[in-house]
Amino acid sequence: GDTPHFHYVSSEVTKGIAQVSLDSDIPVVYG
């Protein structure tokens, strides 16, 4: 959108899913 909110949310959801995936023994897939 017109504010930096997009960058914060997209970055954090990406990092969060990656962290859950790396910490787990099952596939956690980014869609």
PDB file of all heavy atoms in Angstrom:
ATOM      1  N   GLY A   1       0.844  -1.197   0.000  1.00  0.00           N
ATOM      2  CA  GLY A   1       0.000   0.000   0.000  1.00  0.00           C
ATOM      3  C   GLY A   1       0.875   1.242   0.000  1.00  0.00           C
ATOM      4  O   GLY A   1       2.024   1.203  -0.448  1.00  0.00           O
ATOM      5  N   ASP A   2       0.355   2.317   0.552  1.00  0.00           N
ATOM      6  CA  ASP A   2       1.071   3.597   0.562  1.00  0.00           C
ATOM      7  C   ASP A   2       1.967   3.777   1.786  1.00  0.00           C
ATOM      8  O   ASP A   2       2.654   4.783   1.891  1.00  0.00           O
ATOM      9  CB  ASP A   2       0.065   4.753   0.500  1.00  0.00           C
ATOM     10  CG  ASP A   2      -0.697   4.766  -0.810  1.00  0.00           C
ATOM     11  OD1 ASP A   2      -0.128   4.332  -1.835  1.00  0.00           O
ATOM     12  OD2 ASP A   2      -1.869   5.199  -0.802  1.00  0.00           O
ATOM     13  N   THR A   3       1.931   2.831   2.715  1.00  0.00           N
ATOM     14  CA  THR A   3       2.736   2.954   3.933  1.00  0.00           C
ATOM     15  C   THR A   3       3.743   1.811   3.993  1.00  0.00           C
ATOM     16  O   THR A   3       3.633   0.822   3.254  1.00  0.00           O
ATOM     17  CB  THR A   3       1.832   2.888   5.182  1.00  0.00           C
ATOM     18  OG1 THR A   3       1.302   1.554   5.292  1.00  0.00           O
ATOM     19  CG2 THR A   3       0.691   3.889   5.108  1.00  0.00           C
ATOM     20  N   PRO A   4       4.718   1.890   4.879  1.00  0.00           N
ATOM     21  CA  PRO A   4       5.716   0.812   5.005  1.00  0.00           C
ATOM     22  C   PRO A   4       5.172  -0.458   5.669  1.00  0.00           C
ATOM     23  O   PRO A   4       5.891  -1.437   5.796  1.00  0.00           O
ATOM     24  CB  PRO A   4       6.823   1.432   5.847  1.00  0.00           C
ATOM     25  CG  PRO A   4       6.268   2.646   6.465  1.00  0.00           C
ATOM     26  CD  PRO A   4       5.053   3.060   5.678  1.00  0.00           C
ATOM     27  N   HIS A   5       3.904  -0.475   6.058  1.00  0.00           N
ATOM     28  CA  HIS A   5       3.297  -1.627   6.723  1.00  0.00           C
ATOM     29  C   HIS A   5       3.523  -2.924   5.940  1.00  0.00           C
ATOM     30  O   HIS A   5       3.812  -3.979   6.506  1.00  0.00           O
ATOM     31  CB  HIS A   5       1.801  -1.362   6.921  1.00  0.00           C
ATOM     32  CG  HIS A   5       1.097  -2.424   7.681  1.00  0.00           C
ATOM     33  ND1 HIS A   5       0.275  -3.349   7.090  1.00  0.00           N
ATOM     34  CD2 HIS A   5       1.088  -2.708   9.006  1.00  0.00           C
ATOM     35  CE1 HIS A   5      -0.212  -4.160   8.011  1.00  0.00           C
ATOM     36  NE2 HIS A   5       0.261  -3.791   9.175  1.00  0.00           N
ATOM     37  N   PHE A   6       3.392  -2.872   4.621  1.00  0.00           N
ATOM     38  CA  PHE A   6       3.596  -4.034   3.751  1.00  0.00           C
ATOM     39  C   PHE A   6       4.947  -4.684   4.014  1.00  0.00           C
ATOM     40  O   PHE A   6       5.055  -5.903   4.130  1.00  0.00           O
ATOM     41  CB  PHE A   6       3.502  -3.609   2.281  1.00  0.00           C
ATOM     42  CG  PHE A   6       4.062  -4.610   1.304  1.00  0.00           C
ATOM     43  CD1 PHE A   6       3.288  -5.681   0.870  1.00  0.00           C
ATOM     44  CD2 PHE A   6       5.351  -4.482   0.821  1.00  0.00           C
ATOM     45  CE1 PHE A   6       3.805  -6.609  -0.036  1.00  0.00           C
ATOM     46  CE2 PHE A   6       5.871  -5.400  -0.085  1.00  0.00           C
ATOM     47  CZ  PHE A   6       5.099  -6.465  -0.513  1.00  0.00           C
ATOM     48  N   HIS A   7       5.987  -3.868   4.087  1.00  0.00           N
ATOM     49  CA  HIS A   7       7.344  -4.396   4.257  1.00  0.00           C
ATOM     50  C   HIS A   7       7.507  -5.106   5.599  1.00  0.00           C
ATOM     51  O   HIS A   7       8.129  -6.167   5.675  1.00  0.00           O
ATOM     52  CB  HIS A   7       8.371  -3.277   4.109  1.00  0.00           C
ATOM     53  CG  HIS A   7       8.339  -2.650   2.754  1.00  0.00           C
ATOM     54  ND1 HIS A   7       8.797  -3.296   1.627  1.00  0.00           N
ATOM     55  CD2 HIS A   7       7.867  -1.449   2.342  1.00  0.00           C
ATOM     56  CE1 HIS A   7       8.627  -2.529   0.575  1.00  0.00           C
ATOM     57  NE2 HIS A   7       8.052  -1.397   0.973  1.00  0.00           N
ATOM     58  N   TYR A   8       6.926  -4.540   6.640  1.00  0.00           N
ATOM     59  CA  TYR A   8       7.023  -5.156   7.965  1.00  0.00           C
ATOM     60  C   TYR A   8       6.284  -6.489   8.007  1.00  0.00           C
ATOM     61  O   TYR A   8       6.809  -7.501   8.476  1.00  0.00           O
ATOM     62  CB  TYR A   8       6.473  -4.230   9.055  1.00  0.00           C
ATOM     63  CG  TYR A   8       7.200  -2.921   9.145  1.00  0.00           C
ATOM     64  CD1 TYR A   8       6.508  -1.719   9.058  1.00  0.00           C
ATOM     65  CD2 TYR A   8       8.578  -2.871   9.313  1.00  0.00           C
ATOM     66  CE1 TYR A   8       7.170  -0.507   9.133  1.00  0.00           C
ATOM     67  CE2 TYR A   8       9.249  -1.672   9.386  1.00  0.00           C
ATOM     68  CZ  TYR A   8       8.541  -0.495   9.296  1.00  0.00           C
ATOM     69  OH  TYR A   8       9.194   0.701   9.367  1.00  0.00           O
ATOM     70  N   VAL A   9       5.054  -6.495   7.521  1.00  0.00           N
ATOM     71  CA  VAL A   9       4.244  -7.712   7.579  1.00  0.00           C
ATOM     72  C   VAL A   9       4.831  -8.804   6.691  1.00  0.00           C
ATOM     73  O   VAL A   9       5.000  -9.941   7.123  1.00  0.00           O
ATOM     74  CB  VAL A   9       2.771  -7.431   7.210  1.00  0.00           C
ATOM     75  CG1 VAL A   9       1.981  -8.729   7.116  1.00  0.00           C
ATOM     76  CG2 VAL A   9       2.136  -6.500   8.233  1.00  0.00           C
ATOM     77  N   SER A  10       5.168  -8.466   5.444  1.00  0.00           N
ATOM     78  CA  SER A  10       5.686  -9.498   4.543  1.00  0.00           C
ATOM     79  C   SER A  10       7.005 -10.062   5.054  1.00  0.00           C
ATOM     80  O   SER A  10       7.246 -11.272   4.975  1.00  0.00           O
ATOM     81  CB  SER A  10       5.829  -8.969   3.113  1.00  0.00           C
ATOM     82  OG  SER A  10       6.719  -7.892   3.046  1.00  0.00           O
ATOM     83  N   SER A  11       7.851  -9.215   5.605  1.00  0.00           N
ATOM     84  CA  SER A  11       9.126  -9.674   6.157  1.00  0.00           C
ATOM     85  C   SER A  11       8.922 -10.592   7.361  1.00  0.00           C
ATOM     86  O   SER A  11       9.532 -11.663   7.463  1.00  0.00           O
ATOM     87  CB  SER A  11       9.979  -8.469   6.556  1.00  0.00           C
ATOM     88  OG  SER A  11      11.179  -8.883   7.142  1.00  0.00           O
ATOM     89  N   GLU A  12       8.047 -10.191   8.266  1.00  0.00           N
ATOM     90  CA  GLU A  12       7.841 -10.974   9.492  1.00  0.00           C
ATOM     91  C   GLU A  12       7.121 -12.297   9.233  1.00  0.00           C
ATOM     92  O   GLU A  12       7.444 -13.310   9.851  1.00  0.00           O
ATOM     93  CB  GLU A  12       7.119 -10.147  10.542  1.00  0.00           C
ATOM     94  CG  GLU A  12       7.951  -9.004  11.072  1.00  0.00           C
ATOM     95  CD  GLU A  12       9.316  -9.428  11.598  1.00  0.00           C
ATOM     96  OE1 GLU A  12       9.409 -10.396  12.369  1.00  0.00           O
ATOM     97  OE2 GLU A  12      10.309  -8.770  11.227  1.00  0.00           O
ATOM     98  N   VAL A  13       6.136 -12.310   8.345  1.00  0.00           N
ATOM     99  CA  VAL A  13       5.456 -13.572   8.053  1.00  0.00           C
ATOM    100  C   VAL A  13       6.437 -14.534   7.377  1.00  0.00           C
ATOM    101  O   VAL A  13       6.446 -15.734   7.664  1.00  0.00           O
ATOM    102  CB  VAL A  13       4.169 -13.384   7.229  1.00  0.00           C
ATOM    103  CG1 VAL A  13       4.431 -12.955   5.799  1.00  0.00           C
ATOM    104  CG2 VAL A  13       3.343 -14.661   7.217  1.00  0.00           C
ATOM    105  N   THR A  14       7.293 -14.013   6.517  1.00  0.00           N
ATOM    106  CA  THR A  14       8.292 -14.850   5.853  1.00  0.00           C
ATOM    107  C   THR A  14       9.288 -15.412   6.860  1.00  0.00           C
ATOM    108  O   THR A  14       9.557 -16.617   6.868  1.00  0.00           O
ATOM    109  CB  THR A  14       9.018 -14.043   4.756  1.00  0.00           C
ATOM    110  OG1 THR A  14       8.052 -13.604   3.795  1.00  0.00           O
ATOM    111  CG2 THR A  14      10.082 -14.873   4.072  1.00  0.00           C
ATOM    112  N   LYS A  15       9.830 -14.547   7.709  1.00  0.00           N
ATOM    113  CA  LYS A  15      10.776 -15.008   8.731  1.00  0.00           C
ATOM    114  C   LYS A  15      10.117 -15.984   9.704  1.00  0.00           C
ATOM    115  O   LYS A  15      10.721 -16.980  10.107  1.00  0.00           O
ATOM    116  CB  LYS A  15      11.370 -13.826   9.502  1.00  0.00           C
ATOM    117  CG  LYS A  15      12.398 -13.053   8.718  1.00  0.00           C
ATOM    118  CD  LYS A  15      13.171 -12.087   9.594  1.00  0.00           C
ATOM    119  CE  LYS A  15      12.353 -10.863   9.871  1.00  0.00           C
ATOM    120  NZ  LYS A  15      13.109  -9.810  10.591  1.00  0.00           N
ATOM    121  N   GLY A  16       8.876 -15.676  10.076  1.00  0.00           N
ATOM    122  CA  GLY A  16       8.168 -16.537  11.028  1.00  0.00           C
ATOM    123  C   GLY A  16       7.930 -17.933  10.489  1.00  0.00           C
ATOM    124  O   GLY A  16       8.175 -18.929  11.178  1.00  0.00           O
ATOM    125  N   ILE A  17       7.467 -18.022   9.261  1.00  0.00           N
ATOM    126  CA  ILE A  17       7.233 -19.344   8.656  1.00  0.00           C
ATOM    127  C   ILE A  17       8.554 -20.082   8.491  1.00  0.00           C
ATOM    128  O   ILE A  17       8.638 -21.281   8.766  1.00  0.00           O
ATOM    129  CB  ILE A  17       6.488 -19.210   7.311  1.00  0.00           C
ATOM    130  CG1 ILE A  17       5.064 -18.709   7.547  1.00  0.00           C
ATOM    131  CG2 ILE A  17       6.461 -20.548   6.561  1.00  0.00           C
ATOM    132  CD1 ILE A  17       4.334 -18.290   6.276  1.00  0.00           C
ATOM    133  N   ALA A  18       9.595 -19.374   8.061  1.00  0.00           N
ATOM    134  CA  ALA A  18      10.910 -20.012   7.917  1.00  0.00           C
ATOM    135  C   ALA A  18      11.396 -20.557   9.259  1.00  0.00           C
ATOM    136  O   ALA A  18      11.923 -21.676   9.321  1.00  0.00           O
ATOM    137  CB  ALA A  18      11.916 -19.019   7.341  1.00  0.00           C
ATOM    138  N   GLN A  19      11.209 -19.795  10.333  1.00  0.00           N
ATOM    139  CA  GLN A  19      11.654 -20.244  11.651  1.00  0.00           C
ATOM    140  C   GLN A  19      10.882 -21.474  12.112  1.00  0.00           C
ATOM    141  O   GLN A  19      11.468 -22.436  12.621  1.00  0.00           O
ATOM    142  CB  GLN A  19      11.513 -19.123  12.684  1.00  0.00           C
ATOM    143  CG  GLN A  19      12.163 -19.447  14.007  1.00  0.00           C
ATOM    144  CD  GLN A  19      13.664 -19.637  13.868  1.00  0.00           C
ATOM    145  OE1 GLN A  19      14.346 -18.762  13.350  1.00  0.00           O
ATOM    146  NE2 GLN A  19      14.178 -20.768  14.302  1.00  0.00           N
ATOM    147  N   VAL A  20       9.567 -21.459  11.933  1.00  0.00           N
ATOM    148  CA  VAL A  20       8.767 -22.624  12.306  1.00  0.00           C
ATOM    149  C   VAL A  20       9.225 -23.837  11.505  1.00  0.00           C
ATOM    150  O   VAL A  20       9.385 -24.935  12.044  1.00  0.00           O
ATOM    151  CB  VAL A  20       7.258 -22.361  12.091  1.00  0.00           C
ATOM    152  CG1 VAL A  20       6.442 -23.627  12.301  1.00  0.00           C
ATOM    153  CG2 VAL A  20       6.768 -21.255  13.025  1.00  0.00           C
ATOM    154  N   SER A  21       9.469 -23.645  10.224  1.00  0.00           N
ATOM    155  CA  SER A  21       9.917 -24.739   9.366  1.00  0.00           C
ATOM    156  C   SER A  21      11.244 -25.312   9.845  1.00  0.00           C
ATOM    157  O   SER A  21      11.395 -26.535   9.965  1.00  0.00           O
ATOM    158  CB  SER A  21      10.044 -24.241   7.920  1.00  0.00           C
ATOM    159  OG  SER A  21      10.531 -25.263   7.081  1.00  0.00           O
ATOM    160  N   LEU A  22      12.206 -24.451  10.123  1.00  0.00           N
ATOM    161  CA  LEU A  22      13.526 -24.919  10.556  1.00  0.00           C
ATOM    162  C   LEU A  22      13.494 -25.580  11.927  1.00  0.00           C
ATOM    163  O   LEU A  22      14.304 -26.459  12.208  1.00  0.00           O
ATOM    164  CB  LEU A  22      14.516 -23.752  10.556  1.00  0.00           C
ATOM    165  CG  LEU A  22      14.863 -23.205   9.176  1.00  0.00           C
ATOM    166  CD1 LEU A  22      15.690 -21.931   9.304  1.00  0.00           C
ATOM    167  CD2 LEU A  22      15.586 -24.242   8.344  1.00  0.00           C
ATOM    168  N   ASP A  23      12.561 -25.163  12.773  1.00  0.00           N
ATOM    169  CA  ASP A  23      12.454 -25.727  14.119  1.00  0.00           C
ATOM    170  C   ASP A  23      11.627 -27.005  14.173  1.00  0.00           C
ATOM    171  O   ASP A  23      11.526 -27.622  15.228  1.00  0.00           O
ATOM    172  CB  ASP A  23      11.827 -24.704  15.078  1.00  0.00           C
ATOM    173  CG  ASP A  23      12.754 -23.531  15.368  1.00  0.00           C
ATOM    174  OD1 ASP A  23      13.969 -23.636  15.085  1.00  0.00           O
ATOM    175  OD2 ASP A  23      12.256 -22.498  15.864  1.00  0.00           O
ATOM    176  N   SER A  24      11.014 -27.391  13.060  1.00  0.00           N
ATOM    177  CA  SER A  24      10.122 -28.548  13.087  1.00  0.00           C
ATOM    178  C   SER A  24      10.731 -29.746  12.368  1.00  0.00           C
ATOM    179  O   SER A  24      11.726 -29.619  11.668  1.00  0.00           O
ATOM    180  CB  SER A  24       8.774 -28.198  12.460  1.00  0.00           C
ATOM    181  OG  SER A  24       8.899 -28.154  11.055  1.00  0.00           O
ATOM    182  N   ASP A  25      10.101 -30.874  12.559  1.00  0.00           N
ATOM    183  CA  ASP A  25      10.521 -32.105  11.879  1.00  0.00           C
ATOM    184  C   ASP A  25       9.607 -32.448  10.713  1.00  0.00           C
ATOM    185  O   ASP A  25       9.697 -33.533  10.163  1.00  0.00           O
ATOM    186  CB  ASP A  25      10.525 -33.283  12.868  1.00  0.00           C
ATOM    187  CG  ASP A  25      11.680 -33.186  13.849  1.00  0.00           C
ATOM    188  OD1 ASP A  25      12.730 -32.633  13.474  1.00  0.00           O
ATOM    189  OD2 ASP A  25      11.528 -33.645  14.985  1.00  0.00           O
ATOM    190  N   ILE A  26       8.713 -31.528  10.379  1.00  0.00           N
ATOM    191  CA  ILE A  26       7.804 -31.748   9.257  1.00  0.00           C
ATOM    192  C   ILE A  26       7.893 -30.548   8.315  1.00  0.00           C
ATOM    193  O   ILE A  26       8.322 -29.466   8.719  1.00  0.00           O
ATOM    194  CB  ILE A  26       6.340 -31.949   9.719  1.00  0.00           C
ATOM    195  CG1 ILE A  26       5.801 -30.679  10.393  1.00  0.00           C
ATOM    196  CG2 ILE A  26       6.218 -33.175  10.628  1.00  0.00           C
ATOM    197  CD1 ILE A  26       4.309 -30.695  10.642  1.00  0.00           C
ATOM    198  N   PRO A  27       7.482 -30.713   7.074  1.00  0.00           N
ATOM    199  CA  PRO A  27       7.477 -29.579   6.161  1.00  0.00           C
ATOM    200  C   PRO A  27       6.461 -28.515   6.583  1.00  0.00           C
ATOM    201  O   PRO A  27       5.322 -28.829   6.902  1.00  0.00           O
ATOM    202  CB  PRO A  27       7.056 -30.197   4.815  1.00  0.00           C
ATOM    203  CG  PRO A  27       7.341 -31.657   4.951  1.00  0.00           C
ATOM    204  CD  PRO A  27       7.146 -31.983   6.395  1.00  0.00           C
ATOM    205  N   VAL A  28       6.912 -27.278   6.606  1.00  0.00           N
ATOM    206  CA  VAL A  28       6.056 -26.122   6.827  1.00  0.00           C
ATOM    207  C   VAL A  28       6.265 -25.257   5.588  1.00  0.00           C
ATOM    208  O   VAL A  28       7.348 -24.725   5.375  1.00  0.00           O
ATOM    209  CB  VAL A  28       6.415 -25.359   8.116  1.00  0.00           C
ATOM    210  CG1 VAL A  28       5.522 -24.140   8.290  1.00  0.00           C
ATOM    211  CG2 VAL A  28       6.318 -26.278   9.327  1.00  0.00           C
ATOM    212  N   VAL A  29       5.233 -25.159   4.763  1.00  0.00           N
ATOM    213  CA  VAL A  29       5.393 -24.632   3.414  1.00  0.00           C
ATOM    214  C   VAL A  29       4.843 -23.212   3.289  1.00  0.00           C
ATOM    215  O   VAL A  29       3.747 -22.907   3.758  1.00  0.00           O
ATOM    216  CB  VAL A  29       4.710 -25.566   2.391  1.00  0.00           C
ATOM    217  CG1 VAL A  29       4.864 -25.035   0.983  1.00  0.00           C
ATOM    218  CG2 VAL A  29       5.285 -26.973   2.497  1.00  0.00           C
ATOM    219  N   TYR A  30       5.606 -22.390   2.609  1.00  0.00           N
ATOM    220  CA  TYR A  30       5.320 -20.975   2.385  1.00  0.00           C
ATOM    221  C   TYR A  30       4.490 -20.799   1.119  1.00  0.00           C
ATOM    222  O   TYR A  30       4.958 -21.046   0.014  1.00  0.00           O
ATOM    223  CB  TYR A  30       6.655 -20.237   2.247  1.00  0.00           C
ATOM    224  CG  TYR A  30       6.571 -18.749   2.084  1.00  0.00           C
ATOM    225  CD1 TYR A  30       6.521 -17.923   3.189  1.00  0.00           C
ATOM    226  CD2 TYR A  30       6.597 -18.171   0.823  1.00  0.00           C
ATOM    227  CE1 TYR A  30       6.479 -16.537   3.047  1.00  0.00           C
ATOM    228  CE2 TYR A  30       6.562 -16.794   0.669  1.00  0.00           C
ATOM    229  CZ  TYR A  30       6.509 -15.987   1.783  1.00  0.00           C
ATOM    230  OH  TYR A  30       6.474 -14.631   1.634  1.00  0.00           O
ATOM    231  N   GLY A  31       3.245 -20.377   1.286  1.00  0.00           N
ATOM    232  CA  GLY A  31       2.368 -20.108   0.153  1.00  0.00           C
ATOM    233  C   GLY A  31       1.784 -18.712   0.253  1.00  0.00           C
ATOM    234  O   GLY A  31       0.595 -18.504   0.046  1.00  0.00           O
TER     235      GLY A  31
END
